[in-house]
Amino acid sequence: MSNSGNVAGGHKANLANSNTSDESKQHSKEVLDELEQSGEVNQGNGDAGKNQGNVIGGHKANLKNPNTSEESKEHSKQVLEEKGADY
């Protein structure tokens, strides 16, 4: 039995991969549409359903990572402020 979240993640990665064929991307889009219609996954739902402690921790880690862009850090600050988390 496969985890539908992992399946969706793989198909989302395929859509973002510039080295995959158009046919492969079309298949991934169809699978994602089916998963969304079945209610197994919800595309575009941001971090809803995710462990909020992990989300906050990830954004805090991003702020301390010297390899992330200032734009990414600003986004993390905004998310943390929206969630009322200290940073």
C-alpha atoms as a PDB file:
ATOM      1  CA  MET A   1       0.000   0.000   0.000  1.00  0.00           C
ATOM      2  CA  SER A   2       1.462   3.351  -0.977  1.00  0.00           C
ATOM      3  CA  ASN A   3       1.212   6.641   0.859  1.00  0.00           C
ATOM      4  CA  SER A   4      -0.819   8.993  -1.355  1.00  0.00           C
ATOM      5  CA  GLY A   5       1.149  11.968  -0.049  1.00  0.00           C
ATOM      6  CA  ASN A   6       4.389  10.379  -1.210  1.00  0.00           C
ATOM      7  CA  VAL A   7       2.856   9.468  -4.561  1.00  0.00           C
ATOM      8  CA  ALA A   8       1.662  13.046  -5.008  1.00  0.00           C
ATOM      9  CA  GLY A   9       5.096  14.365  -4.039  1.00  0.00           C
ATOM     10  CA  GLY A  10       6.769  12.231  -6.671  1.00  0.00           C
ATOM     11  CA  HIS A  11       4.389  13.435  -9.355  1.00  0.00           C
ATOM     12  CA  LYS A  12       4.832  17.053  -8.288  1.00  0.00           C
ATOM     13  CA  ALA A  13       8.599  16.595  -8.551  1.00  0.00           C
ATOM     14  CA  ASN A  14       8.162  15.122 -12.017  1.00  0.00           C
ATOM     15  CA  LEU A  15       6.203  18.191 -13.113  1.00  0.00           C
ATOM     16  CA  ALA A  16       9.019  20.449 -11.927  1.00  0.00           C
ATOM     17  CA  ASN A  17      11.765  18.370 -13.560  1.00  0.00           C
ATOM     18  CA  SER A  18      12.966  19.915 -16.820  1.00  0.00           C
ATOM     19  CA  ASN A  19      14.396  16.554 -17.920  1.00  0.00           C
ATOM     20  CA  THR A  20      11.088  14.660 -18.066  1.00  0.00           C
ATOM     21  CA  SER A  21       8.991  14.311 -21.205  1.00  0.00           C
ATOM     22  CA  ASP A  22       5.731  16.103 -21.887  1.00  0.00           C
ATOM     23  CA  GLU A  23       3.966  12.728 -21.890  1.00  0.00           C
ATOM     24  CA  SER A  24       5.344  11.953 -18.439  1.00  0.00           C
ATOM     25  CA  LYS A  25       4.286  15.358 -17.146  1.00  0.00           C
ATOM     26  CA  GLN A  26       0.793  14.875 -18.572  1.00  0.00           C
ATOM     27  CA  HIS A  27       0.519  11.513 -16.793  1.00  0.00           C
ATOM     28  CA  SER A  28       1.642  13.095 -13.513  1.00  0.00           C
ATOM     29  CA  LYS A  29      -0.919  15.874 -13.895  1.00  0.00           C
ATOM     30  CA  GLU A  30      -3.670  13.293 -14.469  1.00  0.00           C
ATOM     31  CA  VAL A  31      -2.634  11.276 -11.407  1.00  0.00           C
ATOM     32  CA  LEU A  32      -2.545  14.407  -9.242  1.00  0.00           C
ATOM     33  CA  ASP A  33      -5.982  15.444 -10.511  1.00  0.00           C
ATOM     34  CA  GLU A  34      -7.355  11.983  -9.646  1.00  0.00           C
ATOM     35  CA  LEU A  35      -5.818  12.082  -6.173  1.00  0.00           C
ATOM     36  CA  GLU A  36      -7.273  15.522  -5.548  1.00  0.00           C
ATOM     37  CA  GLN A  37     -10.740  14.536  -6.795  1.00  0.00           C
ATOM     38  CA  SER A  38     -10.713  11.420  -4.617  1.00  0.00           C
ATOM     39  CA  GLY A  39      -9.855  13.550  -1.591  1.00  0.00           C
ATOM     40  CA  GLU A  40      -6.636  11.633  -0.916  1.00  0.00           C
ATOM     41  CA  VAL A  41      -4.548  14.792  -1.312  1.00  0.00           C
ATOM     42  CA  ASN A  42      -5.384  18.455  -1.489  1.00  0.00           C
ATOM     43  CA  GLN A  43      -3.256  20.438  -3.912  1.00  0.00           C
ATOM     44  CA  GLY A  44      -2.484  24.041  -3.163  1.00  0.00           C
ATOM     45  CA  ASN A  45      -3.362  23.655   0.481  1.00  0.00           C
ATOM     46  CA  GLY A  46      -0.129  25.172   1.741  1.00  0.00           C
ATOM     47  CA  ASP A  47       0.855  23.629   5.059  1.00  0.00           C
ATOM     48  CA  ALA A  48      -2.651  22.682   6.206  1.00  0.00           C
ATOM     49  CA  GLY A  49      -2.639  19.196   7.666  1.00  0.00           C
ATOM     50  CA  LYS A  50       1.069  19.333   8.348  1.00  0.00           C
ATOM     51  CA  ASN A  51       2.590  19.253  11.812  1.00  0.00           C
ATOM     52  CA  GLN A  52       2.737  22.972  12.614  1.00  0.00           C
ATOM     53  CA  GLY A  53       5.709  22.484  14.937  1.00  0.00           C
ATOM     54  CA  ASN A  54       7.662  21.037  12.026  1.00  0.00           C
ATOM     55  CA  VAL A  55       6.561  23.851   9.718  1.00  0.00           C
ATOM     56  CA  ILE A  56       7.678  26.480  12.237  1.00  0.00           C
ATOM     57  CA  GLY A  57      10.935  24.622  12.879  1.00  0.00           C
ATOM     58  CA  GLY A  58      11.670  24.449   9.176  1.00  0.00           C
ATOM     59  CA  HIS A  59      11.163  28.183   8.736  1.00  0.00           C
ATOM     60  CA  LYS A  60      13.349  28.932  11.758  1.00  0.00           C
ATOM     61  CA  ALA A  61      16.072  26.695  10.334  1.00  0.00           C
ATOM     62  CA  ASN A  62      15.781  28.489   7.000  1.00  0.00           C
ATOM     63  CA  LEU A  63      16.534  31.817   8.700  1.00  0.00           C
ATOM     64  CA  LYS A  64      19.833  30.429  10.031  1.00  0.00           C
ATOM     65  CA  ASN A  65      20.883  28.705   6.813  1.00  0.00           C
ATOM     66  CA  PRO A  66      23.667  30.670   5.095  1.00  0.00           C
ATOM     67  CA  ASN A  67      22.829  28.993   1.772  1.00  0.00           C
ATOM     68  CA  THR A  68      19.280  30.353   1.423  1.00  0.00           C
ATOM     69  CA  SER A  69      18.401  33.576  -0.343  1.00  0.00           C
ATOM     70  CA  GLU A  70      17.265  36.738   1.386  1.00  0.00           C
ATOM     71  CA  GLU A  71      13.946  36.380  -0.432  1.00  0.00           C
ATOM     72  CA  SER A  72      13.482  32.920   1.078  1.00  0.00           C
ATOM     73  CA  LYS A  73      14.385  34.228   4.528  1.00  0.00           C
ATOM     74  CA  GLU A  74      11.875  37.067   4.181  1.00  0.00           C
ATOM     75  CA  HIS A  75       9.191  34.528   3.286  1.00  0.00           C
ATOM     76  CA  SER A  76      10.070  32.471   6.369  1.00  0.00           C
ATOM     77  CA  LYS A  77       9.881  35.574   8.565  1.00  0.00           C
ATOM     78  CA  GLN A  78       6.451  36.380   7.146  1.00  0.00           C
ATOM     79  CA  VAL A  79       5.178  32.840   7.792  1.00  0.00           C
ATOM     80  CA  LEU A  80       6.530  32.873  11.341  1.00  0.00           C
ATOM     81  CA  GLU A  81       4.895  36.237  12.038  1.00  0.00           C
ATOM     82  CA  GLU A  82       1.560  34.956  10.653  1.00  0.00           C
ATOM     83  CA  LYS A  83       1.783  31.921  12.943  1.00  0.00           C
ATOM     84  CA  GLY A  84       2.730  34.061  15.932  1.00  0.00           C
ATOM     85  CA  ALA A  85       6.055  32.276  16.352  1.00  0.00           C
ATOM     86  CA  ASP A  86       9.204  33.900  17.706  1.00  0.00           C
ATOM     87  CA  TYR A  87      12.280  33.847  15.510  1.00  0.00           C
END
